[in-house]
Amino acid sequence: MLLAEKFQKSGLFLFKWRSYAPLIFFLVIFASFEHFHYPFQSHNLDLIWELFCLCIGASGTALRVLTVAFVPASTSGRGTIRPSASRLNTTGMYSLVRNPLYLGNFFVYAAPVLFMRIWWILLIFILAFILYYERIIFAEETFLRERFGEEYSSWASKTPAFFPRLRNWTKPDLPFSWKIALSKEYHGAYGLISSLFLMELASDFCVNKELKFDLVWTSFFISGTFFYMIIRFLVKKTSFLK
């Protein structure tokens, strides 16, 4: 098998499981809680760091929202079989970088990794992320090149794959759709809050040897759960967000 064919095959396999495979990395994170400690033995400093991690993850979610809220239907989808696209997105976030959703994922996944403050976990995460998404991007770009030909090649030649080029900014063709943003990204936003909330509980338990519910994080979690339930009801039971 040619190397390009091997990359394509493995990329399609990873594409199929791209929403679930990264969860395996959480096993490594939770396994490291045995040695967790507060920075300088201060719970307040630990809380500040946790909120910083939340901001990092929220920036990734915001990037995803600013991407999906401006794109037309049948593009930037969550399909799990193989890449698909009815048209090529080249404006908005796609004018800055070819893979804005995966760039957003990097910051979302980085939040729980940074939470632990362990350098080797961060290093493993960066290397694993590069190897994992390199194959997926290869498979997607092969499809787009075959589907759109010169249009894709022209856009790709001037648009970076992963590091945004701000001077390339082109105004989106469509207006911001908060309905699309809510219906597509509410799962990810709740997943971020829930994972960090559980990690906060686990970290405090490891230090204090008893289960304590921090007021700040408990408030975030309860508010997030309430918001998630409302949006899920609107998506599943009504046509309000369609």
Protein backbone atom coordinates (compact mmCIF):
# COMPACT_ATOMS: atom_id res chain seq x y z
CA MET A 1 0.00 0.00 0.00
CA LEU A 2 1.32 3.43 -0.95
CA LEU A 3 2.02 5.77 1.94
CA ALA A 4 -0.64 8.22 0.70
CA GLU A 5 -3.19 5.38 0.59
CA LYS A 6 -2.21 4.32 4.10
CA PHE A 7 -2.63 7.90 5.36
CA GLN A 8 -6.00 8.10 3.63
CA LYS A 9 -7.25 4.83 5.11
CA SER A 10 -6.11 5.61 8.65
CA GLY A 11 -7.40 9.17 8.32
CA LEU A 12 -10.89 7.94 7.40
CA PHE A 13 -10.83 5.52 10.33
CA LEU A 14 -9.88 8.29 12.77
CA PHE A 15 -12.41 10.63 11.14
CA LYS A 16 -15.14 8.13 11.98
CA TRP A 17 -14.18 8.09 15.67
CA ARG A 18 -12.90 11.64 16.02
CA SER A 19 -15.61 12.61 18.52
CA TYR A 20 -14.84 9.72 20.88
CA ALA A 21 -11.21 8.64 20.52
CA PRO A 22 -9.81 11.73 22.35
CA LEU A 23 -11.76 10.61 25.43
CA ILE A 24 -9.17 7.85 25.86
CA PHE A 25 -6.69 10.53 26.83
CA PHE A 26 -8.80 11.32 29.90
CA LEU A 27 -7.80 7.95 31.31
CA VAL A 28 -4.20 9.18 31.41
CA ILE A 29 -5.30 12.40 33.09
CA PHE A 30 -7.39 10.75 35.79
CA ALA A 31 -4.64 8.18 36.45
CA SER A 32 -2.34 11.04 37.41
CA PHE A 33 -4.64 12.40 40.16
CA GLU A 34 -2.87 10.25 42.74
CA HIS A 35 -0.04 12.79 42.80
CA PHE A 36 -2.21 15.92 42.54
CA HIS A 37 -1.45 18.83 44.87
CA TYR A 38 -2.42 22.48 45.15
CA PRO A 39 0.14 24.99 43.77
CA PHE A 40 2.14 26.26 46.76
CA GLN A 41 -0.42 24.40 48.95
CA SER A 42 -3.00 27.11 48.20
CA HIS A 43 -6.58 26.25 47.26
CA ASN A 44 -7.16 29.83 46.09
CA LEU A 45 -4.26 29.62 43.63
CA ASP A 46 -5.60 26.28 42.48
CA LEU A 47 -9.02 27.86 41.84
CA ILE A 48 -7.44 30.68 39.84
CA TRP A 49 -5.58 28.15 37.71
CA GLU A 50 -8.76 26.10 37.20
CA LEU A 51 -10.63 29.19 36.00
CA PHE A 52 -7.75 29.97 33.65
CA CYS A 53 -8.10 26.47 32.19
CA LEU A 54 -11.83 27.06 31.79
CA CYS A 55 -11.06 30.25 29.85
CA ILE A 56 -8.71 28.33 27.56
CA GLY A 57 -11.41 25.76 26.85
CA ALA A 58 -14.05 28.46 26.42
CA SER A 59 -11.86 30.19 23.82
CA GLY A 60 -11.84 26.95 21.82
CA THR A 61 -15.63 26.69 22.09
CA ALA A 62 -15.95 30.33 21.00
CA LEU A 63 -13.76 29.62 17.97
CA ARG A 64 -15.99 26.71 17.01
CA VAL A 65 -19.10 28.86 17.45
CA LEU A 66 -17.65 31.63 15.27
CA THR A 67 -17.00 28.98 12.63
CA VAL A 68 -20.25 27.03 12.51
CA ALA A 69 -22.55 30.01 12.99
CA PHE A 70 -21.56 31.52 9.63
CA VAL A 71 -21.46 28.46 7.37
CA PRO A 72 -24.29 27.12 5.18
CA ALA A 73 -26.05 23.81 5.68
CA SER A 74 -24.33 20.57 4.64
CA THR A 75 -20.86 21.93 5.46
CA SER A 76 -18.66 21.72 8.58
CA GLY A 77 -20.81 18.80 9.66
CA ARG A 78 -20.45 16.14 12.34
CA GLY A 79 -20.72 13.17 9.99
CA THR A 80 -18.91 10.02 11.09
CA ILE A 81 -18.85 7.98 7.89
CA ARG A 82 -16.61 10.03 5.63
CA PRO A 83 -16.00 13.70 4.76
CA SER A 84 -18.80 15.47 2.87
CA ALA A 85 -19.44 19.01 1.67
CA SER A 86 -21.95 20.61 -0.67
CA ARG A 87 -19.75 23.68 -1.11
CA LEU A 88 -16.32 24.95 -0.11
CA ASN A 89 -16.16 27.35 2.84
CA THR A 90 -13.59 30.09 2.21
CA THR A 91 -14.90 33.09 4.17
CA GLY A 92 -15.08 33.97 7.86
CA MET A 93 -12.86 31.75 9.99
CA TYR A 94 -12.11 29.65 6.92
CA SER A 95 -10.39 32.64 5.35
CA LEU A 96 -7.89 32.65 8.24
CA VAL A 97 -7.21 28.94 8.63
CA ARG A 98 -8.28 25.78 6.81
CA ASN A 99 -9.21 23.83 9.94
CA PRO A 100 -10.76 26.28 12.43
CA LEU A 101 -12.89 23.60 14.11
CA TYR A 102 -9.88 21.43 14.86
CA LEU A 103 -8.00 24.48 16.09
CA GLY A 104 -10.91 25.09 18.44
CA ASN A 105 -10.72 21.45 19.55
CA PHE A 106 -7.07 21.94 20.48
CA PHE A 107 -7.95 24.62 23.04
CA VAL A 108 -10.99 22.70 24.32
CA TYR A 109 -8.90 19.56 24.91
CA ALA A 110 -6.01 21.59 26.30
CA ALA A 111 -8.17 22.82 29.19
CA PRO A 112 -8.30 19.52 31.16
CA VAL A 113 -4.68 18.78 30.20
CA LEU A 114 -3.44 22.08 31.61
CA PHE A 115 -5.63 21.52 34.67
CA MET A 116 -3.17 18.91 35.93
CA ARG A 117 -0.08 21.15 35.70
CA ILE A 118 2.07 18.18 34.63
CA TRP A 119 4.47 18.99 31.80
CA TRP A 120 4.80 15.47 30.38
CA ILE A 121 1.02 15.07 30.04
CA LEU A 122 0.96 18.34 28.10
CA LEU A 123 3.79 17.13 25.87
CA ILE A 124 2.06 13.79 25.17
CA PHE A 125 -1.17 15.65 24.40
CA ILE A 126 0.47 17.96 21.86
CA LEU A 127 2.24 15.09 20.09
CA ALA A 128 -0.87 12.89 20.10
CA PHE A 129 -3.04 15.74 18.82
CA ILE A 130 -0.67 16.43 15.93
CA LEU A 131 -0.45 12.77 14.90
CA TYR A 132 -4.16 12.17 15.31
CA TYR A 133 -5.46 15.18 13.40
CA GLU A 134 -2.73 15.08 10.78
CA ARG A 135 -4.28 11.87 9.41
CA ILE A 136 -7.83 13.21 9.62
CA ILE A 137 -6.90 16.45 7.85
CA PHE A 138 -5.06 14.46 5.16
CA ALA A 139 -8.21 12.39 4.48
CA GLU A 140 -10.44 15.47 4.43
CA GLU A 141 -8.17 17.46 2.15
CA THR A 142 -7.91 14.53 -0.27
CA PHE A 143 -11.70 14.51 -0.50
CA LEU A 144 -11.93 18.30 -0.92
CA ARG A 145 -9.24 18.35 -3.59
CA GLU A 146 -11.09 15.69 -5.56
CA ARG A 147 -14.48 17.36 -4.98
CA PHE A 148 -13.61 21.00 -5.74
CA GLY A 149 -10.43 20.76 -7.78
CA GLU A 150 -8.77 24.08 -8.63
CA GLU A 151 -11.11 26.03 -6.34
CA TYR A 152 -9.78 24.10 -3.37
CA SER A 153 -6.15 24.24 -4.51
CA SER A 154 -6.33 28.02 -4.94
CA TRP A 155 -7.83 28.55 -1.49
CA ALA A 156 -5.48 26.09 0.22
CA SER A 157 -2.40 27.68 -1.33
CA LYS A 158 -3.04 30.97 0.49
CA THR A 159 -4.73 29.70 3.68
CA PRO A 160 -2.66 28.05 6.46
CA ALA A 161 -3.70 24.61 7.66
CA PHE A 162 -3.55 25.32 11.39
CA PHE A 163 -1.95 28.65 12.29
CA PRO A 164 -4.32 31.55 11.40
CA ARG A 165 -3.16 34.28 9.03
CA LEU A 166 -5.11 37.31 10.22
CA ARG A 167 -4.42 39.47 7.18
CA ASN A 168 -6.41 37.00 5.07
CA TRP A 169 -9.71 37.86 6.78
CA THR A 170 -12.73 37.83 4.47
CA LYS A 171 -16.19 38.74 5.72
CA PRO A 172 -18.55 35.73 5.97
CA ASP A 173 -21.08 35.30 3.18
CA LEU A 174 -23.90 34.58 5.63
CA PRO A 175 -25.05 36.40 8.81
CA PHE A 176 -24.38 34.96 12.26
CA SER A 177 -26.91 32.24 13.12
CA TRP A 178 -27.28 31.80 16.87
CA LYS A 179 -29.69 28.91 16.21
CA ILE A 180 -26.98 26.97 14.40
CA ALA A 181 -24.43 27.89 17.06
CA LEU A 182 -26.65 26.64 19.90
CA SER A 183 -27.86 23.48 18.19
CA LYS A 184 -24.38 22.38 17.10
CA GLU A 185 -22.19 23.40 20.02
CA TYR A 186 -24.24 22.90 23.17
CA HIS A 187 -22.89 19.35 23.61
CA GLY A 188 -19.28 20.53 23.51
CA ALA A 189 -19.83 23.45 25.87
CA TYR A 190 -21.52 21.23 28.44
CA GLY A 191 -18.85 18.57 28.04
CA LEU A 192 -16.16 21.13 28.85
CA ILE A 193 -17.89 22.37 32.00
CA SER A 194 -18.78 18.85 33.16
CA SER A 195 -15.29 17.43 32.65
CA LEU A 196 -13.60 20.29 34.52
CA PHE A 197 -16.20 20.08 37.30
CA LEU A 198 -15.50 16.34 37.76
CA MET A 199 -11.76 16.97 37.67
CA GLU A 200 -12.15 19.66 40.33
CA LEU A 201 -14.06 17.23 42.55
CA ALA A 202 -11.42 14.54 42.02
CA SER A 203 -8.52 16.90 42.69
CA ASP A 204 -10.03 18.25 45.92
CA PHE A 205 -10.77 14.70 47.06
CA CYS A 206 -7.17 13.66 46.44
CA VAL A 207 -5.88 16.56 48.53
CA ASN A 208 -8.48 16.64 51.35
CA LYS A 209 -9.46 12.94 51.36
CA GLU A 210 -13.13 13.94 51.43
CA LEU A 211 -15.68 15.01 48.85
CA LYS A 212 -16.21 18.78 48.79
CA PHE A 213 -18.33 20.80 46.39
CA ASP A 214 -16.69 24.10 45.55
CA LEU A 215 -19.30 26.88 45.34
CA VAL A 216 -17.88 28.38 42.12
CA TRP A 217 -17.64 25.12 40.19
CA THR A 218 -20.92 23.78 41.52
CA SER A 219 -22.64 26.95 40.32
CA PHE A 220 -21.04 26.55 36.88
CA PHE A 221 -22.12 22.92 36.69
CA ILE A 222 -25.72 23.49 37.80
CA SER A 223 -26.12 26.45 35.44
CA GLY A 224 -24.54 24.49 32.60
CA THR A 225 -26.79 21.49 33.23
CA PHE A 226 -29.89 23.68 33.24
CA PHE A 227 -28.79 25.36 30.00
CA TYR A 228 -27.99 21.99 28.40
CA MET A 229 -31.39 20.53 29.26
CA ILE A 230 -33.21 23.54 27.80
CA ILE A 231 -31.26 23.49 24.53
CA ARG A 232 -31.57 19.72 24.22
CA PHE A 233 -35.33 19.96 24.68
CA LEU A 234 -35.56 22.65 22.01
CA VAL A 235 -33.45 20.60 19.60
CA LYS A 236 -35.18 17.26 20.17
CA LYS A 237 -38.79 18.26 20.81
CA THR A 238 -39.34 21.51 18.88
CA SER A 239 -38.44 23.17 15.59
CA PHE A 240 -37.41 26.41 17.30
CA LEU A 241 -33.69 25.97 16.53
CA LYS A 242 -34.10 24.53 13.05
